[in-house]
PDB file of all heavy atoms in Angstrom:
ATOM      1  N   ASN A   1     136.713  95.488  95.453  1.00  0.00           N
ATOM      2  CA  ASN A   1     135.392  95.113  94.921  1.00  0.00           C
ATOM      3  C   ASN A   1     135.670  94.059  93.860  1.00  0.00           C
ATOM      4  O   ASN A   1     136.096  94.366  92.756  1.00  0.00           O
ATOM      5  CB  ASN A   1     134.695  96.326  94.317  1.00  0.00           C
ATOM      6  CG  ASN A   1     133.339  95.985  93.730  1.00  0.00           C
ATOM      7  OD1 ASN A   1     133.179  95.015  93.001  1.00  0.00           O
ATOM      8  ND2 ASN A   1     132.339  96.805  94.039  1.00  0.00           N
ATOM      9  N   MET A   2     135.445  92.795  94.222  1.00  0.00           N
ATOM     10  CA  MET A   2     135.919  91.690  93.400  1.00  0.00           C
ATOM     11  C   MET A   2     135.316  91.720  91.994  1.00  0.00           C
ATOM     12  O   MET A   2     136.033  91.558  90.995  1.00  0.00           O
ATOM     13  CB  MET A   2     135.590  90.362  94.085  1.00  0.00           C
ATOM     14  CG  MET A   2     136.250  89.176  93.441  1.00  0.00           C
ATOM     15  SD  MET A   2     138.056  89.292  93.518  1.00  0.00           S
ATOM     16  CE  MET A   2     138.483  87.701  92.850  1.00  0.00           C
ATOM     17  N   GLU A   3     134.022  91.919  91.890  1.00  0.00           N
ATOM     18  CA  GLU A   3     133.374  91.883  90.580  1.00  0.00           C
ATOM     19  C   GLU A   3     133.906  92.991  89.679  1.00  0.00           C
ATOM     20  O   GLU A   3     134.215  92.767  88.507  1.00  0.00           O
ATOM     21  CB  GLU A   3     131.860  92.014  90.738  1.00  0.00           C
ATOM     22  CG  GLU A   3     131.114  91.968  89.417  1.00  0.00           C
ATOM     23  CD  GLU A   3     129.609  91.921  89.593  1.00  0.00           C
ATOM     24  OE1 GLU A   3     129.142  91.793  90.733  1.00  0.00           O
ATOM     25  OE2 GLU A   3     128.897  92.018  88.571  1.00  0.00           O
ATOM     26  N   ARG A   4     134.053  94.171  90.232  1.00  0.00           N
ATOM     27  CA  ARG A   4     134.495  95.314  89.428  1.00  0.00           C
ATOM     28  C   ARG A   4     135.966  95.186  89.013  1.00  0.00           C
ATOM     29  O   ARG A   4     136.320  95.375  87.851  1.00  0.00           O
ATOM     30  CB  ARG A   4     134.284  96.603  90.222  1.00  0.00           C
ATOM     31  CG  ARG A   4     134.585  97.886  89.439  1.00  0.00           C
ATOM     32  CD  ARG A   4     134.310  99.097  90.303  1.00  0.00           C
ATOM     33  NE  ARG A   4     135.237  99.190  91.428  1.00  0.00           N
ATOM     34  CZ  ARG A   4     134.921  99.731  92.606  1.00  0.00           C
ATOM     35  NH1 ARG A   4     133.696 100.195  92.827  1.00  0.00           N
ATOM     36  NH2 ARG A   4     135.814  99.798  93.573  1.00  0.00           N
ATOM     37  N   ILE A   5     136.824  94.825  89.975  1.00  0.00           N
ATOM     38  CA  ILE A   5     138.248  94.810  89.664  1.00  0.00           C
ATOM     39  C   ILE A   5     138.595  93.645  88.734  1.00  0.00           C
ATOM     40  O   ILE A   5     139.458  93.777  87.857  1.00  0.00           O
ATOM     41  CB  ILE A   5     139.091  94.761  90.959  1.00  0.00           C
ATOM     42  CG1 ILE A   5     140.529  95.240  90.671  1.00  0.00           C
ATOM     43  CG2 ILE A   5     139.110  93.363  91.581  1.00  0.00           C
ATOM     44  CD1 ILE A   5     141.361  95.477  91.917  1.00  0.00           C
ATOM     45  N   GLN A   6     137.884  92.510  88.880  1.00  0.00           N
ATOM     46  CA  GLN A   6     138.155  91.385  87.983  1.00  0.00           C
ATOM     47  C   GLN A   6     137.842  91.757  86.542  1.00  0.00           C
ATOM     48  O   GLN A   6     138.601  91.452  85.617  1.00  0.00           O
ATOM     49  CB  GLN A   6     137.309  90.178  88.405  1.00  0.00           C
ATOM     50  CG  GLN A   6     137.666  88.912  87.674  1.00  0.00           C
ATOM     51  CD  GLN A   6     138.874  88.202  88.245  1.00  0.00           C
ATOM     52  OE1 GLN A   6     138.737  87.412  89.159  1.00  0.00           O
ATOM     53  NE2 GLN A   6     140.052  88.465  87.705  1.00  0.00           N
ATOM     54  N   LYS A   7     136.715  92.434  86.349  1.00  0.00           N
ATOM     55  CA  LYS A   7     136.316  92.867  85.005  1.00  0.00           C
ATOM     56  C   LYS A   7     137.347  93.834  84.423  1.00  0.00           C
ATOM     57  O   LYS A   7     137.707  93.747  83.242  1.00  0.00           O
ATOM     58  CB  LYS A   7     134.944  93.531  85.060  1.00  0.00           C
ATOM     59  CG  LYS A   7     134.366  93.943  83.717  1.00  0.00           C
ATOM     60  CD  LYS A   7     132.925  94.408  83.895  1.00  0.00           C
ATOM     61  CE  LYS A   7     132.297  94.784  82.551  1.00  0.00           C
ATOM     62  NZ  LYS A   7     132.874  96.010  81.984  1.00  0.00           N
ATOM     63  N   ARG A   8     137.860  94.718  85.242  1.00  0.00           N
ATOM     64  CA  ARG A   8     138.851  95.692  84.763  1.00  0.00           C
ATOM     65  C   ARG A   8     140.163  95.014  84.385  1.00  0.00           C
ATOM     66  O   ARG A   8     140.803  95.397  83.408  1.00  0.00           O
ATOM     67  CB  ARG A   8     139.064  96.780  85.815  1.00  0.00           C
ATOM     68  CG  ARG A   8     137.924  97.796  85.851  1.00  0.00           C
ATOM     69  CD  ARG A   8     138.086  98.823  86.947  1.00  0.00           C
ATOM     70  NE  ARG A   8     137.074  99.878  86.809  1.00  0.00           N
ATOM     71  CZ  ARG A   8     136.739 100.743  87.750  1.00  0.00           C
ATOM     72  NH1 ARG A   8     137.354 100.691  88.934  1.00  0.00           N
ATOM     73  NH2 ARG A   8     135.816 101.665  87.527  1.00  0.00           N
ATOM     74  N   PHE A   9     140.563  94.038  85.157  1.00  0.00           N
ATOM     75  CA  PHE A   9     141.782  93.314  84.795  1.00  0.00           C
ATOM     76  C   PHE A   9     141.629  92.652  83.426  1.00  0.00           C
ATOM     77  O   PHE A   9     142.541  92.712  82.585  1.00  0.00           O
ATOM     78  CB  PHE A   9     142.120  92.260  85.852  1.00  0.00           C
ATOM     79  CG  PHE A   9     142.737  92.811  87.109  1.00  0.00           C
ATOM     80  CD1 PHE A   9     142.343  92.346  88.357  1.00  0.00           C
ATOM     81  CD2 PHE A   9     143.722  93.787  87.052  1.00  0.00           C
ATOM     82  CE1 PHE A   9     142.913  92.847  89.513  1.00  0.00           C
ATOM     83  CE2 PHE A   9     144.301  94.305  88.206  1.00  0.00           C
ATOM     84  CZ  PHE A   9     143.887  93.819  89.451  1.00  0.00           C
ATOM     85  N   VAL A  10     140.495  92.017  83.196  1.00  0.00           N
ATOM     86  CA  VAL A  10     140.257  91.354  81.911  1.00  0.00           C
ATOM     87  C   VAL A  10     140.241  92.382  80.783  1.00  0.00           C
ATOM     88  O   VAL A  10     140.790  92.146  79.691  1.00  0.00           O
ATOM     89  CB  VAL A  10     138.937  90.548  81.951  1.00  0.00           C
ATOM     90  CG1 VAL A  10     138.547  90.054  80.559  1.00  0.00           C
ATOM     91  CG2 VAL A  10     139.089  89.352  82.908  1.00  0.00           C
ATOM     92  N   GLU A  11     139.632  93.529  81.022  1.00  0.00           N
ATOM     93  CA  GLU A  11     139.612  94.582  80.007  1.00  0.00           C
ATOM     94  C   GLU A  11     141.023  95.044  79.659  1.00  0.00           C
ATOM     95  O   GLU A  11     141.271  95.517  78.536  1.00  0.00           O
ATOM     96  CB  GLU A  11     138.782  95.770  80.502  1.00  0.00           C
ATOM     97  CG  GLU A  11     137.286  95.484  80.547  1.00  0.00           C
ATOM     98  CD  GLU A  11     136.503  96.574  81.262  1.00  0.00           C
ATOM     99  OE1 GLU A  11     137.153  97.466  81.890  1.00  0.00           O
ATOM    100  OE2 GLU A  11     135.261  96.547  81.214  1.00  0.00           O
ATOM    101  N   HIS A  12     141.942  94.919  80.588  1.00  0.00           N
ATOM    102  CA  HIS A  12     143.338  95.309  80.350  1.00  0.00           C
ATOM    103  C   HIS A  12     144.198  94.140  79.873  1.00  0.00           C
ATOM    104  O   HIS A  12     145.430  94.247  79.810  1.00  0.00           O
ATOM    105  CB  HIS A  12     143.935  95.939  81.611  1.00  0.00           C
ATOM    106  CG  HIS A  12     143.504  97.363  81.830  1.00  0.00           C
ATOM    107  ND1 HIS A  12     142.241  97.692  82.299  1.00  0.00           N
ATOM    108  CD2 HIS A  12     144.143  98.538  81.604  1.00  0.00           C
ATOM    109  CE1 HIS A  12     142.141  99.002  82.385  1.00  0.00           C
ATOM    110  NE2 HIS A  12     143.282  99.546  81.960  1.00  0.00           N
ATOM    111  N   GLY A  13     143.552  93.009  79.563  1.00  0.00           N
ATOM    112  CA  GLY A  13     144.259  91.887  78.959  1.00  0.00           C
ATOM    113  C   GLY A  13     145.098  91.064  79.907  1.00  0.00           C
ATOM    114  O   GLY A  13     146.079  90.433  79.483  1.00  0.00           O
ATOM    115  N   ILE A  14     144.711  91.023  81.189  1.00  0.00           N
ATOM    116  CA  ILE A  14     145.487  90.270  82.172  1.00  0.00           C
ATOM    117  C   ILE A  14     144.553  89.451  83.056  1.00  0.00           C
ATOM    118  O   ILE A  14     143.384  89.808  83.240  1.00  0.00           O
ATOM    119  CB  ILE A  14     146.366  91.187  83.050  1.00  0.00           C
ATOM    120  CG1 ILE A  14     145.511  92.218  83.803  1.00  0.00           C
ATOM    121  CG2 ILE A  14     147.412  91.897  82.190  1.00  0.00           C
ATOM    122  CD1 ILE A  14     146.315  93.116  84.744  1.00  0.00           C
ATOM    123  N   TRP A  15     145.079  88.354  83.583  1.00  0.00           N
ATOM    124  CA  TRP A  15     144.308  87.543  84.513  1.00  0.00           C
ATOM    125  C   TRP A  15     144.961  87.593  85.887  1.00  0.00           C
ATOM    126  O   TRP A  15     146.049  87.070  86.105  1.00  0.00           O
ATOM    127  CB  TRP A  15     144.192  86.091  84.054  1.00  0.00           C
ATOM    128  CG  TRP A  15     143.348  85.289  85.006  1.00  0.00           C
ATOM    129  CD1 TRP A  15     143.756  84.293  85.827  1.00  0.00           C
ATOM    130  CD2 TRP A  15     141.941  85.461  85.244  1.00  0.00           C
ATOM    131  NE1 TRP A  15     142.695  83.827  86.561  1.00  0.00           N
ATOM    132  CE2 TRP A  15     141.570  84.522  86.234  1.00  0.00           C
ATOM    133  CE3 TRP A  15     140.961  86.317  84.729  1.00  0.00           C
ATOM    134  CZ2 TRP A  15     140.262  84.415  86.714  1.00  0.00           C
ATOM    135  CZ3 TRP A  15     139.659  86.206  85.199  1.00  0.00           C
ATOM    136  CH2 TRP A  15     139.324  85.260  86.176  1.00  0.00           C
ATOM    137  N   VAL A  16     144.279  88.274  86.813  1.00  0.00           N
ATOM    138  CA  VAL A  16     144.722  88.414  88.193  1.00  0.00           C
ATOM    139  C   VAL A  16     143.506  88.159  89.071  1.00  0.00           C
ATOM    140  O   VAL A  16     142.419  88.667  88.781  1.00  0.00           O
ATOM    141  CB  VAL A  16     145.299  89.827  88.468  1.00  0.00           C
ATOM    142  CG1 VAL A  16     145.777  89.943  89.908  1.00  0.00           C
ATOM    143  CG2 VAL A  16     146.435  90.132  87.500  1.00  0.00           C
ATOM    144  N   ARG A  17     143.681  87.380  90.109  1.00  0.00           N
ATOM    145  CA  ARG A  17     142.563  87.014  90.986  1.00  0.00           C
ATOM    146  C   ARG A  17     142.891  87.452  92.414  1.00  0.00           C
ATOM    147  O   ARG A  17     143.484  86.705  93.183  1.00  0.00           O
ATOM    148  CB  ARG A  17     142.331  85.513  90.927  1.00  0.00           C
ATOM    149  CG  ARG A  17     141.124  85.004  91.702  1.00  0.00           C
ATOM    150  CD  ARG A  17     139.832  85.328  90.999  1.00  0.00           C
ATOM    151  NE  ARG A  17     138.694  84.688  91.656  1.00  0.00           N
ATOM    152  CZ  ARG A  17     137.437  84.890  91.305  1.00  0.00           C
ATOM    153  NH1 ARG A  17     137.163  85.714  90.294  1.00  0.00           N
ATOM    154  NH2 ARG A  17     136.449  84.290  91.934  1.00  0.00           N
ATOM    155  N   PRO A  18     142.518  88.677  92.807  1.00  0.00           N
ATOM    156  CA  PRO A  18     142.826  89.157  94.155  1.00  0.00           C
ATOM    157  C   PRO A  18     141.967  88.451  95.202  1.00  0.00           C
ATOM    158  O   PRO A  18     140.994  87.757  94.877  1.00  0.00           O
ATOM    159  CB  PRO A  18     142.477  90.642  94.094  1.00  0.00           C
ATOM    160  CG  PRO A  18     142.156  90.949  92.669  1.00  0.00           C
ATOM    161  CD  PRO A  18     141.764  89.669  92.030  1.00  0.00           C
ATOM    162  N   PHE A  19     142.323  88.646  96.460  1.00  0.00           N
ATOM    163  CA  PHE A  19     141.404  88.280  97.540  1.00  0.00           C
ATOM    164  C   PHE A  19     141.594  89.260  98.694  1.00  0.00           C
ATOM    165  O   PHE A  19     142.706  89.666  99.007  1.00  0.00           O
ATOM    166  CB  PHE A  19     141.587  86.830  98.000  1.00  0.00           C
ATOM    167  CG  PHE A  19     142.914  86.519  98.641  1.00  0.00           C
ATOM    168  CD1 PHE A  19     143.097  86.643 100.009  1.00  0.00           C
ATOM    169  CD2 PHE A  19     143.981  86.064  97.880  1.00  0.00           C
ATOM    170  CE1 PHE A  19     144.305  86.340 100.605  1.00  0.00           C
ATOM    171  CE2 PHE A  19     145.194  85.749  98.464  1.00  0.00           C
ATOM    172  CZ  PHE A  19     145.368  85.897  99.836  1.00  0.00           C
ATOM    173  N   GLY A  20     140.465  89.660  99.280  1.00  0.00           N
ATOM    174  CA  GLY A  20     140.528  90.611 100.384  1.00  0.00           C
ATOM    175  C   GLY A  20     141.219  91.898  99.972  1.00  0.00           C
ATOM    176  O   GLY A  20     140.831  92.544  98.998  1.00  0.00           O
ATOM    177  N   LYS A  21     142.268  92.248 100.701  1.00  0.00           N
ATOM    178  CA  LYS A  21     143.034  93.465 100.421  1.00  0.00           C
ATOM    179  C   LYS A  21     144.240  93.200  99.522  1.00  0.00           C
ATOM    180  O   LYS A  21     145.010  94.126  99.248  1.00  0.00           O
ATOM    181  CB  LYS A  21     143.537  94.075 101.737  1.00  0.00           C
ATOM    182  CG  LYS A  21     142.445  94.490 102.707  1.00  0.00           C
ATOM    183  CD  LYS A  21     143.053  95.027 104.000  1.00  0.00           C
ATOM    184  CE  LYS A  21     141.984  95.407 105.000  1.00  0.00           C
ATOM    185  NZ  LYS A  21     142.573  95.917 106.275  1.00  0.00           N
ATOM    186  N   LEU A  22     144.391  91.978  99.080  1.00  0.00           N
ATOM    187  CA  LEU A  22     145.623  91.586  98.404  1.00  0.00           C
ATOM    188  C   LEU A  22     145.449  91.427  96.902  1.00  0.00           C
ATOM    189  O   LEU A  22     144.618  90.638  96.431  1.00  0.00           O
ATOM    190  CB  LEU A  22     146.141  90.277  98.990  1.00  0.00           C
ATOM    191  CG  LEU A  22     146.431  90.295 100.494  1.00  0.00           C
ATOM    192  CD1 LEU A  22     146.804  88.914 100.976  1.00  0.00           C
ATOM    193  CD2 LEU A  22     147.533  91.294 100.826  1.00  0.00           C
ATOM    194  N   VAL A  23     146.229  92.189  96.154  1.00  0.00           N
ATOM    195  CA  VAL A  23     146.365  92.011  94.712  1.00  0.00           C
ATOM    196  C   VAL A  23     147.772  91.451  94.499  1.00  0.00           C
ATOM    197  O   VAL A  23     148.759  92.117  94.804  1.00  0.00           O
ATOM    198  CB  VAL A  23     146.189  93.342  93.957  1.00  0.00           C
ATOM    199  CG1 VAL A  23     146.425  93.140  92.465  1.00  0.00           C
ATOM    200  CG2 VAL A  23     144.798  93.921  94.214  1.00  0.00           C
ATOM    201  N   TYR A  24     147.851  90.237  94.019  1.00  0.00           N
ATOM    202  CA  TYR A  24     149.155  89.584  93.963  1.00  0.00           C
ATOM    203  C   TYR A  24     149.295  88.798  92.668  1.00  0.00           C
ATOM    204  O   TYR A  24     148.305  88.492  91.986  1.00  0.00           O
ATOM    205  CB  TYR A  24     149.343  88.649  95.166  1.00  0.00           C
ATOM    206  CG  TYR A  24     148.509  87.400  95.080  1.00  0.00           C
ATOM    207  CD1 TYR A  24     149.062  86.205  94.634  1.00  0.00           C
ATOM    208  CD2 TYR A  24     147.166  87.409  95.431  1.00  0.00           C
ATOM    209  CE1 TYR A  24     148.300  85.051  94.540  1.00  0.00           C
ATOM    210  CE2 TYR A  24     146.389  86.264  95.346  1.00  0.00           C
ATOM    211  CZ  TYR A  24     146.964  85.085  94.894  1.00  0.00           C
ATOM    212  OH  TYR A  24     146.205  83.958  94.792  1.00  0.00           O
ATOM    213  N   VAL A  25     150.542  88.463  92.335  1.00  0.00           N
ATOM    214  CA  VAL A  25     150.818  87.616  91.178  1.00  0.00           C
ATOM    215  C   VAL A  25     151.829  86.544  91.575  1.00  0.00           C
ATOM    216  O   VAL A  25     152.718  86.766  92.393  1.00  0.00           O
ATOM    217  CB  VAL A  25     151.368  88.413  89.974  1.00  0.00           C
ATOM    218  CG1 VAL A  25     150.293  89.340  89.419  1.00  0.00           C
ATOM    219  CG2 VAL A  25     152.622  89.189  90.327  1.00  0.00           C
ATOM    220  N   MET A  26     151.636  85.357  90.995  1.00  0.00           N
ATOM    221  CA  MET A  26     152.586  84.247  91.115  1.00  0.00           C
ATOM    222  C   MET A  26     152.621  83.583  89.744  1.00  0.00           C
ATOM    223  O   MET A  26     152.064  82.507  89.546  1.00  0.00           O
ATOM    224  CB  MET A  26     152.158  83.278  92.218  1.00  0.00           C
ATOM    225  CG  MET A  26     152.160  83.914  93.604  1.00  0.00           C
ATOM    226  SD  MET A  26     151.475  82.848  94.908  1.00  0.00           S
ATOM    227  CE  MET A  26     152.870  81.800  95.303  1.00  0.00           C
ATOM    228  N   PRO A  27     153.257  84.210  88.765  1.00  0.00           N
ATOM    229  CA  PRO A  27     153.142  83.765  87.368  1.00  0.00           C
ATOM    230  C   PRO A  27     153.943  82.501  87.088  1.00  0.00           C
ATOM    231  O   PRO A  27     154.799  82.084  87.880  1.00  0.00           O
ATOM    232  CB  PRO A  27     153.718  84.957  86.600  1.00  0.00           C
ATOM    233  CG  PRO A  27     154.716  85.548  87.538  1.00  0.00           C
ATOM    234  CD  PRO A  27     154.126  85.388  88.906  1.00  0.00           C
ATOM    235  N   PRO A  28     153.700  81.887  85.931  1.00  0.00           N
ATOM    236  CA  PRO A  28     154.565  80.781  85.491  1.00  0.00           C
ATOM    237  C   PRO A  28     156.016  81.248  85.402  1.00  0.00           C
ATOM    238  O   PRO A  28     156.287  82.409  85.051  1.00  0.00           O
ATOM    239  CB  PRO A  28     154.010  80.426  84.105  1.00  0.00           C
ATOM    240  CG  PRO A  28     152.597  80.925  84.105  1.00  0.00           C
ATOM    241  CD  PRO A  28     152.606  82.151  84.955  1.00  0.00           C
ATOM    242  N   TYR A  29     156.949  80.365  85.700  1.00  0.00           N
ATOM    243  CA  TYR A  29     158.363  80.737  85.657  1.00  0.00           C
ATOM    244  C   TYR A  29     158.821  81.091  84.238  1.00  0.00           C
ATOM    245  O   TYR A  29     159.809  81.820  84.070  1.00  0.00           O
ATOM    246  CB  TYR A  29     159.248  79.595  86.170  1.00  0.00           C
ATOM    247  CG  TYR A  29     158.974  79.152  87.582  1.00  0.00           C
ATOM    248  CD1 TYR A  29     159.472  77.945  88.054  1.00  0.00           C
ATOM    249  CD2 TYR A  29     158.219  79.929  88.468  1.00  0.00           C
ATOM    250  CE1 TYR A  29     159.239  77.515  89.350  1.00  0.00           C
ATOM    251  CE2 TYR A  29     157.973  79.516  89.761  1.00  0.00           C
ATOM    252  CZ  TYR A  29     158.479  78.297  90.191  1.00  0.00           C
ATOM    253  OH  TYR A  29     158.235  77.864  91.474  1.00  0.00           O
ATOM    254  N   ILE A  30     158.132  80.580  83.228  1.00  0.00           N
ATOM    255  CA  ILE A  30     158.555  80.794  81.843  1.00  0.00           C
ATOM    256  C   ILE A  30     158.096  82.139  81.290  1.00  0.00           C
ATOM    257  O   ILE A  30     158.384  82.458  80.139  1.00  0.00           O
ATOM    258  CB  ILE A  30     158.030  79.677  80.923  1.00  0.00           C
ATOM    259  CG1 ILE A  30     156.489  79.713  80.856  1.00  0.00           C
ATOM    260  CG2 ILE A  30     158.543  78.324  81.356  1.00  0.00           C
ATOM    261  CD1 ILE A  30     155.903  78.969  79.681  1.00  0.00           C
ATOM    262  N   ILE A  31     157.381  82.925  82.079  1.00  0.00           N
ATOM    263  CA  ILE A  31     156.862  84.189  81.571  1.00  0.00           C
ATOM    264  C   ILE A  31     158.004  85.052  81.045  1.00  0.00           C
ATOM    265  O   ILE A  31     159.067  85.173  81.668  1.00  0.00           O
ATOM    266  CB  ILE A  31     156.053  84.917  82.673  1.00  0.00           C
ATOM    267  CG1 ILE A  31     155.229  86.063  82.057  1.00  0.00           C
ATOM    268  CG2 ILE A  31     156.940  85.407  83.808  1.00  0.00           C
ATOM    269  CD1 ILE A  31     154.158  86.616  82.984  1.00  0.00           C
ATOM    270  N   GLN A  32     157.790  85.632  79.869  1.00  0.00           N
ATOM    271  CA  GLN A  32     158.804  86.489  79.249  1.00  0.00           C
ATOM    272  C   GLN A  32     158.756  87.897  79.854  1.00  0.00           C
ATOM    273  O   GLN A  32     157.727  88.318  80.395  1.00  0.00           O
ATOM    274  CB  GLN A  32     158.580  86.563  77.740  1.00  0.00           C
ATOM    275  CG  GLN A  32     158.687  85.218  77.039  1.00  0.00           C
ATOM    276  CD  GLN A  32     160.066  84.598  77.199  1.00  0.00           C
ATOM    277  OE1 GLN A  32     161.075  85.190  76.826  1.00  0.00           O
ATOM    278  NE2 GLN A  32     160.116  83.394  77.767  1.00  0.00           N
ATOM    279  N   GLN A  33     159.864  88.616  79.761  1.00  0.00           N
ATOM    280  CA  GLN A  33     159.934  89.930  80.380  1.00  0.00           C
ATOM    281  C   GLN A  33     158.856  90.865  79.862  1.00  0.00           C
ATOM    282  O   GLN A  33     158.225  91.588  80.641  1.00  0.00           O
ATOM    283  CB  GLN A  33     161.311  90.567  80.163  1.00  0.00           C
ATOM    284  CG  GLN A  33     161.446  91.931  80.850  1.00  0.00           C
ATOM    285  CD  GLN A  33     162.863  92.477  80.822  1.00  0.00           C
ATOM    286  OE1 GLN A  33     163.814  91.715  80.727  1.00  0.00           O
ATOM    287  NE2 GLN A  33     162.992  93.787  80.902  1.00  0.00           N
ATOM    288  N   ASP A  34     158.601  90.853  78.539  1.00  0.00           N
ATOM    289  CA  ASP A  34     157.588  91.759  77.994  1.00  0.00           C
ATOM    290  C   ASP A  34     156.195  91.367  78.479  1.00  0.00           C
ATOM    291  O   ASP A  34     155.348  92.230  78.728  1.00  0.00           O
ATOM    292  CB  ASP A  34     157.652  91.784  76.463  1.00  0.00           C
ATOM    293  CG  ASP A  34     157.408  90.434  75.822  1.00  0.00           C
ATOM    294  OD1 ASP A  34     157.665  89.405  76.465  1.00  0.00           O
ATOM    295  OD2 ASP A  34     156.953  90.398  74.660  1.00  0.00           O
ATOM    296  N   GLU A  35     155.953  90.059  78.640  1.00  0.00           N
ATOM    297  CA  GLU A  35     154.651  89.619  79.159  1.00  0.00           C
ATOM    298  C   GLU A  35     154.478  90.058  80.606  1.00  0.00           C
ATOM    299  O   GLU A  35     153.400  90.534  81.002  1.00  0.00           O
ATOM    300  CB  GLU A  35     154.537  88.097  79.068  1.00  0.00           C
ATOM    301  CG  GLU A  35     154.463  87.554  77.653  1.00  0.00           C
ATOM    302  CD  GLU A  35     154.448  86.039  77.608  1.00  0.00           C
ATOM    303  OE1 GLU A  35     155.212  85.414  78.377  1.00  0.00           O
ATOM    304  OE2 GLU A  35     153.691  85.482  76.797  1.00  0.00           O
ATOM    305  N   LEU A  36     155.532  89.910  81.387  1.00  0.00           N
ATOM    306  CA  LEU A  36     155.460  90.287  82.793  1.00  0.00           C
ATOM    307  C   LEU A  36     155.309  91.795  82.949  1.00  0.00           C
ATOM    308  O   LEU A  36     154.539  92.273  83.792  1.00  0.00           O
ATOM    309  CB  LEU A  36     156.703  89.780  83.530  1.00  0.00           C
ATOM    310  CG  LEU A  36     156.733  89.957  85.051  1.00  0.00           C
ATOM    311  CD1 LEU A  36     155.493  89.376  85.704  1.00  0.00           C
ATOM    312  CD2 LEU A  36     158.001  89.302  85.627  1.00  0.00           C
ATOM    313  N   GLU A  37     156.029  92.554  82.135  1.00  0.00           N
ATOM    314  CA  GLU A  37     155.900  94.019  82.188  1.00  0.00           C
ATOM    315  C   GLU A  37     154.497  94.455  81.791  1.00  0.00           C
ATOM    316  O   GLU A  37     153.936  95.384  82.391  1.00  0.00           O
ATOM    317  CB  GLU A  37     156.952  94.661  81.283  1.00  0.00           C
ATOM    318  CG  GLU A  37     158.367  94.552  81.847  1.00  0.00           C
ATOM    319  CD  GLU A  37     159.430  95.038  80.872  1.00  0.00           C
ATOM    320  OE1 GLU A  37     159.100  95.207  79.664  1.00  0.00           O
ATOM    321  OE2 GLU A  37     160.579  95.247  81.297  1.00  0.00           O
ATOM    322  N   PHE A  38     153.916  93.796  80.779  1.00  0.00           N
ATOM    323  CA  PHE A  38     152.533  94.086  80.372  1.00  0.00           C
ATOM    324  C   PHE A  38     151.571  93.774  81.519  1.00  0.00           C
ATOM    325  O   PHE A  38     150.646  94.563  81.812  1.00  0.00           O
ATOM    326  CB  PHE A  38     152.170  93.258  79.143  1.00  0.00           C
ATOM    327  CG  PHE A  38     150.785  93.496  78.612  1.00  0.00           C
ATOM    328  CD1 PHE A  38     150.538  94.495  77.679  1.00  0.00           C
ATOM    329  CD2 PHE A  38     149.715  92.713  79.048  1.00  0.00           C
ATOM    330  CE1 PHE A  38     149.254  94.715  77.197  1.00  0.00           C
ATOM    331  CE2 PHE A  38     148.434  92.925  78.564  1.00  0.00           C
ATOM    332  CZ  PHE A  38     148.204  93.924  77.639  1.00  0.00           C
TER     333      PHE A  38
END
Protein backbone atom coordinates (compact mmCIF):
# COMPACT_ATOMS: atom_id res chain seq x y z
CA ASN A 1 0.00 0.00 0.00
CA MET A 2 2.13 2.82 -1.36
CA GLU A 3 0.57 5.72 0.54
CA ARG A 4 0.65 3.94 3.88
CA ILE A 5 4.11 2.40 3.64
CA GLN A 6 5.73 5.60 2.34
CA LYS A 7 4.38 7.52 5.33
CA ARG A 8 5.69 4.86 7.71
CA PHE A 9 9.15 4.94 6.21
CA VAL A 10 9.30 8.72 6.68
CA GLU A 11 8.08 8.35 10.27
CA HIS A 12 11.04 6.01 10.83
CA GLY A 13 13.49 8.57 9.41
CA ILE A 14 14.27 6.84 6.12
CA TRP A 15 13.56 7.44 2.45
CA VAL A 16 12.59 4.28 0.56
CA ARG A 17 10.40 4.22 -2.54
CA PRO A 18 8.98 0.72 -3.18
CA PHE A 19 7.09 -0.37 -6.26
CA GLY A 20 4.68 -3.26 -6.63
CA LYS A 21 5.87 -6.11 -4.42
CA LEU A 22 9.42 -4.81 -4.17
CA VAL A 23 10.95 -2.94 -1.25
CA TYR A 24 14.52 -2.25 -2.27
CA VAL A 25 17.48 0.03 -1.62
CA MET A 26 20.29 1.29 -3.86
CA PRO A 27 22.00 3.82 -1.57
CA PRO A 28 24.86 6.21 -2.30
CA TYR A 29 28.21 4.42 -2.16
CA ILE A 30 29.42 6.83 0.53
CA ILE A 31 26.76 5.75 3.03
CA GLN A 32 28.30 5.06 6.43
CA GLN A 33 27.75 1.75 8.20
CA ASP A 34 25.67 3.30 10.99
CA GLU A 35 23.50 5.12 8.43
CA LEU A 36 22.97 1.94 6.45
CA GLU A 37 22.18 -0.08 9.58
CA PHE A 38 19.67 2.60 10.63
